[in-house]
N, C-alpha and C. Protein backbone atom coordinates (compact mmCIF):
# COMPACT_ATOMS: atom_id res chain seq x y z
N MET A 1 130.76 125.10 38.16
CA MET A 1 131.92 125.61 38.85
C MET A 1 131.55 126.05 40.25
N PHE A 2 130.49 126.84 40.38
CA PHE A 2 130.14 127.30 41.69
C PHE A 2 128.98 126.33 42.22
N ARG A 3 129.06 126.13 43.48
CA ARG A 3 128.00 125.22 44.10
C ARG A 3 126.76 126.03 44.45
N GLU A 4 125.64 125.37 44.37
CA GLU A 4 124.37 126.00 44.86
C GLU A 4 124.41 125.87 46.38
N LYS A 5 123.49 126.63 47.02
CA LYS A 5 123.42 126.59 48.43
C LYS A 5 122.95 125.25 49.04
N ASN A 6 122.15 124.49 48.33
CA ASN A 6 121.64 123.28 48.83
C ASN A 6 122.57 122.13 48.64
N GLU A 7 123.73 122.33 47.97
CA GLU A 7 124.73 121.25 47.76
C GLU A 7 126.01 121.37 48.71
N LYS A 8 125.95 122.29 49.62
CA LYS A 8 127.13 122.64 50.40
C LYS A 8 127.74 121.50 51.19
N GLY A 9 126.94 120.72 51.80
CA GLY A 9 127.38 119.58 52.74
C GLY A 9 127.34 118.14 52.06
N GLN A 10 127.17 118.13 50.79
CA GLN A 10 127.02 116.87 50.14
C GLN A 10 128.27 115.95 50.25
N SER A 11 129.43 116.48 50.03
CA SER A 11 130.67 115.73 50.16
C SER A 11 130.87 115.16 51.48
N LEU A 12 130.58 115.87 52.54
CA LEU A 12 130.74 115.44 53.90
C LEU A 12 129.76 114.21 54.17
N VAL A 13 128.59 114.30 53.71
CA VAL A 13 127.60 113.26 53.85
C VAL A 13 128.03 112.01 53.08
N GLU A 14 128.56 112.15 51.78
CA GLU A 14 129.01 111.06 51.08
C GLU A 14 130.19 110.34 51.80
N VAL A 15 131.11 111.07 52.38
CA VAL A 15 132.22 110.45 53.00
C VAL A 15 131.83 109.74 54.27
N ALA A 16 130.81 110.40 54.98
CA ALA A 16 130.31 109.80 56.23
C ALA A 16 129.60 108.52 55.96
N LEU A 17 128.95 108.40 54.85
CA LEU A 17 128.22 107.09 54.43
C LEU A 17 129.21 106.06 53.89
N ALA A 18 130.22 106.50 53.20
CA ALA A 18 131.18 105.56 52.66
C ALA A 18 132.26 105.00 53.56
N MET A 19 132.64 105.82 54.47
CA MET A 19 133.78 105.46 55.35
C MET A 19 133.55 104.20 56.18
N PRO A 20 132.44 103.98 56.81
CA PRO A 20 132.27 102.71 57.65
C PRO A 20 132.41 101.52 56.75
N LEU A 21 131.92 101.54 55.52
CA LEU A 21 131.91 100.43 54.65
C LEU A 21 133.38 100.17 54.23
N LEU A 22 134.17 101.21 53.91
CA LEU A 22 135.54 100.99 53.59
C LEU A 22 136.40 100.49 54.81
N ILE A 23 136.11 100.95 55.94
CA ILE A 23 136.75 100.43 57.13
C ILE A 23 136.46 98.95 57.45
N ILE A 24 135.25 98.53 57.21
CA ILE A 24 134.85 97.19 57.35
C ILE A 24 135.59 96.30 56.43
N ILE A 25 135.65 96.76 55.17
CA ILE A 25 136.35 95.91 54.10
C ILE A 25 137.85 95.82 54.44
N MET A 26 138.41 96.92 54.88
CA MET A 26 139.90 96.97 55.21
C MET A 26 140.10 95.99 56.38
N MET A 27 139.30 96.03 57.43
CA MET A 27 139.52 95.12 58.57
C MET A 27 139.32 93.76 58.19
N GLY A 28 138.42 93.45 57.23
CA GLY A 28 138.20 92.07 56.82
C GLY A 28 139.40 91.54 56.15
N ILE A 29 140.01 92.36 55.27
CA ILE A 29 141.22 91.99 54.50
C ILE A 29 142.33 91.71 55.45
N LEU A 30 142.50 92.58 56.52
CA LEU A 30 143.53 92.31 57.53
C LEU A 30 143.29 91.03 58.29
N ASP A 31 142.08 90.73 58.63
CA ASP A 31 141.69 89.48 59.35
C ASP A 31 141.98 88.29 58.50
N LEU A 32 141.71 88.35 57.19
CA LEU A 32 142.05 87.20 56.35
C LEU A 32 143.53 86.95 56.26
N GLY A 33 144.31 88.01 56.25
CA GLY A 33 145.77 87.88 56.22
C GLY A 33 146.29 87.27 57.49
N ARG A 34 145.74 87.66 58.68
CA ARG A 34 146.10 86.98 59.93
C ARG A 34 145.69 85.43 59.91
N ALA A 35 144.53 85.17 59.36
CA ALA A 35 144.11 83.81 59.33
C ALA A 35 145.03 83.01 58.44
N TYR A 36 145.44 83.52 57.32
CA TYR A 36 146.37 82.91 56.40
C TYR A 36 147.67 82.59 57.03
N LEU A 37 148.20 83.66 57.78
CA LEU A 37 149.46 83.52 58.52
C LEU A 37 149.37 82.34 59.51
N THR A 38 148.30 82.25 60.30
CA THR A 38 148.12 81.19 61.23
C THR A 38 148.01 79.86 60.52
N TYR A 39 147.33 79.77 59.38
CA TYR A 39 147.26 78.59 58.60
C TYR A 39 148.68 78.04 58.18
N ILE A 40 149.49 79.01 57.74
CA ILE A 40 150.81 78.62 57.22
C ILE A 40 151.69 78.12 58.47
N ALA A 41 151.65 78.87 59.55
CA ALA A 41 152.39 78.42 60.71
C ALA A 41 151.97 76.99 61.25
N LEU A 42 150.66 76.79 61.32
CA LEU A 42 150.26 75.48 61.73
C LEU A 42 150.59 74.41 60.77
N SER A 43 150.52 74.69 59.48
CA SER A 43 150.97 73.68 58.51
C SER A 43 152.44 73.36 58.67
N ASP A 44 153.26 74.37 58.85
CA ASP A 44 154.69 74.13 59.08
C ASP A 44 154.92 73.33 60.33
N ALA A 45 154.27 73.62 61.41
CA ALA A 45 154.38 72.94 62.69
C ALA A 45 153.95 71.49 62.53
N ALA A 46 152.87 71.18 61.82
CA ALA A 46 152.45 69.80 61.60
C ALA A 46 153.40 69.04 60.75
N ALA A 47 153.95 69.67 59.73
CA ALA A 47 154.87 68.99 58.89
C ALA A 47 156.24 68.73 59.69
N GLU A 48 156.66 69.65 60.52
CA GLU A 48 157.88 69.34 61.37
C GLU A 48 157.61 68.21 62.27
N GLY A 49 156.49 68.21 62.97
CA GLY A 49 156.13 67.13 63.91
C GLY A 49 155.98 65.76 63.21
N ALA A 50 155.47 65.80 62.03
CA ALA A 50 155.30 64.59 61.25
C ALA A 50 156.58 63.98 60.77
N ALA A 51 157.40 64.95 60.30
CA ALA A 51 158.73 64.50 59.80
C ALA A 51 159.62 63.87 60.89
N TYR A 52 159.49 64.49 62.07
CA TYR A 52 160.27 63.88 63.23
C TYR A 52 159.65 62.55 63.64
N ALA A 53 158.25 62.53 63.66
CA ALA A 53 157.66 61.27 64.13
C ALA A 53 157.86 60.15 63.09
N ALA A 54 158.01 60.46 61.83
CA ALA A 54 158.37 59.43 60.79
C ALA A 54 159.73 58.86 61.01
N ILE A 55 160.67 59.61 61.45
CA ILE A 55 162.03 59.05 61.67
C ILE A 55 162.08 58.37 63.05
N HIS A 56 161.46 58.96 64.02
CA HIS A 56 161.46 58.42 65.47
C HIS A 56 160.05 58.13 65.85
N PRO A 57 159.48 57.00 65.47
CA PRO A 57 158.07 56.75 65.70
C PRO A 57 157.74 56.53 67.26
N SER A 58 158.72 56.14 68.03
CA SER A 58 158.41 55.89 69.43
C SER A 58 158.55 57.14 70.34
N ASP A 59 159.07 58.22 69.83
CA ASP A 59 159.29 59.43 70.60
C ASP A 59 158.28 60.54 70.36
N GLN A 60 157.05 60.29 70.75
CA GLN A 60 155.95 61.17 70.48
C GLN A 60 156.06 62.56 71.21
N ALA A 61 156.66 62.45 72.43
CA ALA A 61 156.78 63.70 73.19
C ALA A 61 157.77 64.66 72.49
N GLN A 62 158.85 64.14 71.94
CA GLN A 62 159.80 65.02 71.25
C GLN A 62 159.22 65.57 69.96
N ALA A 63 158.37 64.81 69.30
CA ALA A 63 157.74 65.33 68.04
C ALA A 63 156.84 66.51 68.42
N ILE A 64 156.16 66.37 69.51
CA ILE A 64 155.27 67.45 69.91
C ILE A 64 156.13 68.69 70.35
N ALA A 65 157.21 68.43 70.99
CA ALA A 65 158.13 69.46 71.49
C ALA A 65 158.71 70.20 70.31
N ARG A 66 158.98 69.53 69.22
CA ARG A 66 159.62 70.18 68.05
C ARG A 66 158.61 71.03 67.30
N ALA A 67 157.28 70.60 67.28
CA ALA A 67 156.29 71.29 66.57
C ALA A 67 155.68 72.40 67.34
N ARG A 68 155.71 72.39 68.62
CA ARG A 68 154.96 73.46 69.50
C ARG A 68 155.57 74.87 69.28
N PRO A 69 156.95 75.08 69.33
CA PRO A 69 157.46 76.40 69.07
C PRO A 69 157.15 76.97 67.73
N ILE A 70 157.13 76.09 66.67
CA ILE A 70 156.78 76.64 65.38
C ILE A 70 155.33 77.01 65.29
N ALA A 71 154.46 76.29 65.90
CA ALA A 71 153.04 76.69 65.98
C ALA A 71 152.89 77.96 66.81
N ALA A 72 153.60 78.09 67.90
CA ALA A 72 153.40 79.29 68.71
C ALA A 72 153.94 80.56 68.03
N ALA A 73 154.87 80.34 67.14
CA ALA A 73 155.45 81.59 66.41
C ALA A 73 154.47 82.14 65.50
N GLY A 74 153.41 81.37 65.07
CA GLY A 74 152.42 81.82 64.16
C GLY A 74 151.21 82.40 64.82
N TRP A 75 151.10 82.29 66.09
CA TRP A 75 149.91 82.88 66.83
C TRP A 75 150.11 84.30 67.18
N TRP A 76 150.32 85.10 66.16
CA TRP A 76 150.30 86.57 66.36
C TRP A 76 148.85 87.06 66.42
N CYS A 77 148.54 87.93 67.32
CA CYS A 77 147.28 88.43 67.45
C CYS A 77 147.17 89.84 67.94
N TRP A 78 146.00 90.46 67.77
CA TRP A 78 145.72 91.70 68.34
C TRP A 78 145.14 91.44 69.68
N ARG A 79 145.60 92.13 70.72
CA ARG A 79 144.99 91.94 72.06
C ARG A 79 144.57 93.32 72.56
N LYS A 80 143.24 93.38 73.11
CA LYS A 80 142.69 94.61 73.55
C LYS A 80 143.10 94.75 75.01
N THR A 81 143.73 95.91 75.29
CA THR A 81 143.98 96.26 76.68
C THR A 81 143.16 97.40 77.11
N TRP A 82 143.28 97.80 78.28
CA TRP A 82 142.44 98.93 78.79
C TRP A 82 142.71 100.25 78.04
N SER A 83 143.90 100.42 77.48
CA SER A 83 144.20 101.66 76.85
C SER A 83 144.09 101.67 75.36
N ALA A 84 144.55 100.57 74.73
CA ALA A 84 144.64 100.47 73.25
C ALA A 84 144.75 99.08 72.79
N TRP A 85 144.74 98.95 71.46
CA TRP A 85 145.02 97.69 70.86
C TRP A 85 146.44 97.56 70.69
N ILE A 86 147.06 96.45 71.00
CA ILE A 86 148.54 96.27 70.94
C ILE A 86 148.79 95.04 70.16
N TRP A 87 149.93 95.01 69.51
CA TRP A 87 150.39 93.89 68.78
C TRP A 87 151.14 92.85 69.60
N VAL A 88 150.68 91.71 69.77
CA VAL A 88 151.20 90.71 70.69
C VAL A 88 151.81 89.55 69.88
N ARG A 89 152.99 89.16 70.14
CA ARG A 89 153.57 88.07 69.48
C ARG A 89 153.81 86.85 70.35
């Protein structure tokens, strides 16, 4: 029930040792989520471009023009500025 004198700062040390590992794991999970979002957006863009190119095989420029905005919508990223991390779409 009562702590001995030599155990007073034990919890603080345990948190200080565990917190960096937990933060690294959390950032890794977030990074995998962003990679998956990019993968889905690029897949959708490729499918859109291929579908248009299958119907209009001679119009390559329009197929690229139809796929490019879909691919650009998936490139969400964190960008470091001088003051903080901001969410850029």
